[in-house]
Each structure stands twice: as C-alpha cells, then as structure tokens.
Amino acid sequence: MKQHYEPVAMIDQDEDLKRALYLIECGLFSQFESGGYDILTSLKNPHDPWMTVADFRS
C-alpha cells in the first residue's frame, strides 16, 4: 500500500474524516495553542510512514 498511498484522495472520499480534519484546522481543539497545521501537513503527506489516514475507519 505504501507505493500507492494517497491520503488527500482518501480524505476527499470520506466525509467524516474530512469533517474531523476541518475541526483540527479551524482550531477547535487548540484554541489557546497553535500547531494544528503541523498535524494536518503530516496527515496529508503521502510519505507518512504510519499511513495514519488509512487507519481512520478502523
């Protein structure tokens, strides 16, 4: 799966995942801290060694 891992495509196909990432992006969980964008960048990176987005449903 690593050779064909496309987290952005997976995010686009999953409304629940898209909403969860939006909540991180809008700062809901980090109202007094910045850094949510680092998480988003990591999750959307096709070279994420843990392929985190692929595990969202499980």
Protein backbone atom coordinates (compact mmCIF):
# COMPACT_ATOMS: atom_id res chain seq x y z
CA MET A 1 0.00 0.00 0.00
CA LYS A 2 2.92 2.39 0.63
CA GLN A 3 3.62 2.75 -3.08
CA HIS A 4 0.06 3.90 -3.77
CA TYR A 5 -0.74 5.76 -0.55
CA GLU A 6 -2.68 8.95 -1.35
CA PRO A 7 -4.03 10.43 1.89
CA VAL A 8 -5.55 13.52 0.27
CA ALA A 9 -7.65 11.32 -2.04
CA MET A 10 -8.74 9.24 0.96
CA ILE A 11 -9.71 12.39 2.84
CA ASP A 12 -11.73 13.65 -0.13
CA GLN A 13 -13.70 10.38 -0.24
CA ASP A 14 -14.59 10.25 3.46
CA GLU A 15 -16.96 12.93 4.77
CA ASP A 16 -16.38 12.01 8.44
CA LEU A 17 -12.62 12.21 8.07
CA LYS A 18 -12.93 15.47 6.16
CA ARG A 19 -15.03 16.94 8.98
CA ALA A 20 -12.61 15.71 11.67
CA LEU A 21 -9.67 17.34 9.91
CA TYR A 22 -11.68 20.53 9.45
CA LEU A 23 -12.20 20.69 13.22
CA ILE A 24 -8.44 20.48 13.71
CA GLU A 25 -7.86 23.11 11.02
CA CYS A 26 -10.36 25.58 12.48
CA GLY A 27 -8.67 25.35 15.88
CA LEU A 28 -11.47 23.74 17.86
CA PHE A 29 -9.04 21.55 19.80
CA SER A 30 -6.30 24.11 20.20
CA GLN A 31 -7.98 27.42 20.93
CA PHE A 32 -5.06 28.64 23.04
CA GLU A 33 -2.23 26.99 21.11
CA SER A 34 -1.12 26.90 17.52
CA GLY A 35 0.22 23.83 15.78
CA GLY A 36 -2.80 22.14 14.27
CA TYR A 37 -1.42 22.82 10.84
CA ASP A 38 1.66 20.72 11.60
CA ILE A 39 -0.62 17.77 12.27
CA LEU A 40 -2.60 18.37 9.09
CA THR A 41 0.55 18.62 7.00
CA SER A 42 1.79 15.36 8.46
CA LEU A 43 -1.51 13.55 7.90
CA LYS A 44 -1.75 14.71 4.28
CA ASN A 45 1.84 13.77 3.49
CA PRO A 46 1.98 10.74 1.14
CA HIS A 47 5.25 9.77 2.84
CA ASP A 48 3.67 9.38 6.29
CA PRO A 49 5.41 6.20 7.49
CA TRP A 50 2.39 5.21 9.62
CA MET A 51 -0.21 5.85 6.88
CA THR A 52 -2.44 7.33 9.57
CA VAL A 53 -5.27 8.41 7.29
CA ALA A 54 -5.68 4.85 6.01
CA ASP A 55 -6.46 3.73 9.57
CA PHE A 56 -9.18 6.31 10.23
CA ARG A 57 -12.13 3.95 9.75
CA SER A 58 -10.64 1.18 11.87
